[in-house]
Amino acid sequence: MAEGYCVKCKAKKEISDGVEETMKNGRKAIKGKCPTCGTVMFKILGKSATPAATATNPNPPTV
């Protein structure tokens, strides 16, 4: 699992119960809890984790 920074404990820790989510801008992130204090931890993943852009049709169908 991913390692994130807990703001409450002020230390890097392993994210427990982590779930991968997609943010509104399309980038992926992991959301979970701190194993020590239970605070929500959130880590944005790198650009290599983002899906490739979908190709758009340059000539949309006319009605």
Protein backbone atom coordinates (compact mmCIF):
# COMPACT_ATOMS: atom_id res chain seq x y z
CA MET A 1 0.00 0.00 0.00
CA ALA A 2 1.04 3.65 -0.34
CA GLU A 3 2.88 5.72 2.20
CA GLY A 4 1.51 9.14 3.10
CA TYR A 5 2.02 11.96 5.59
CA CYS A 6 -0.24 12.15 8.65
CA VAL A 7 -0.77 15.79 9.60
CA LYS A 8 -1.86 14.93 13.13
CA CYS A 9 1.06 12.57 13.94
CA LYS A 10 3.48 14.68 11.84
CA ALA A 11 5.12 11.59 10.38
CA LYS A 12 5.14 9.46 7.22
CA LYS A 13 3.11 6.31 7.69
CA GLU A 14 1.58 3.49 5.68
CA ILE A 15 -2.01 4.33 4.65
CA SER A 16 -4.40 1.71 6.03
CA ASP A 17 -7.76 0.87 4.40
CA GLY A 18 -6.62 2.75 1.30
CA VAL A 19 -9.01 3.19 -1.61
CA GLU A 20 -7.93 4.49 -5.00
CA GLU A 21 -10.12 7.36 -6.21
CA THR A 22 -10.23 9.60 -9.26
CA MET A 23 -10.38 13.33 -8.59
CA LYS A 24 -12.47 15.79 -10.63
CA ASN A 25 -9.46 16.73 -12.75
CA GLY A 26 -8.92 13.07 -13.74
CA ARG A 27 -5.85 12.38 -11.61
CA LYS A 28 -5.76 9.40 -9.29
CA ALA A 29 -5.32 9.54 -5.52
CA ILE A 30 -5.37 7.20 -2.54
CA LYS A 31 -7.59 7.94 0.45
CA GLY A 32 -7.35 6.01 3.69
CA LYS A 33 -6.70 6.27 7.43
CA CYS A 34 -3.66 6.65 9.65
CA PRO A 35 -3.01 3.35 11.45
CA THR A 36 -2.08 5.18 14.69
CA CYS A 37 -4.62 7.97 15.17
CA GLY A 38 -7.33 7.23 12.57
CA THR A 39 -7.08 10.60 10.82
CA VAL A 40 -7.98 10.62 7.12
CA MET A 41 -4.88 10.55 4.90
CA PHE A 42 -4.91 11.55 1.23
CA LYS A 43 -2.12 11.08 -1.30
CA ILE A 44 -2.17 12.32 -4.88
CA LEU A 45 -0.47 9.88 -7.23
CA GLY A 46 2.02 10.87 -9.92
CA LYS A 47 1.24 11.79 -13.50
CA SER A 48 2.24 8.32 -14.70
CA ALA A 49 -0.77 6.96 -12.81
CA THR A 50 -3.23 9.08 -14.83
CA PRO A 51 -5.08 7.40 -17.69
CA ALA A 52 -4.21 8.39 -21.25
CA ALA A 53 -6.34 11.14 -22.78
CA THR A 54 -9.15 9.82 -24.93
CA ALA A 55 -9.11 10.83 -28.58
CA THR A 56 -11.97 13.07 -29.68
CA ASN A 57 -13.66 12.87 -33.05
CA PRO A 58 -12.45 15.89 -35.10
CA ASN A 59 -15.51 15.65 -37.38
CA PRO A 60 -18.65 15.36 -35.21
CA PRO A 61 -21.73 13.94 -36.97
CA THR A 62 -24.12 16.49 -38.39
CA VAL A 63 -27.84 16.29 -37.91
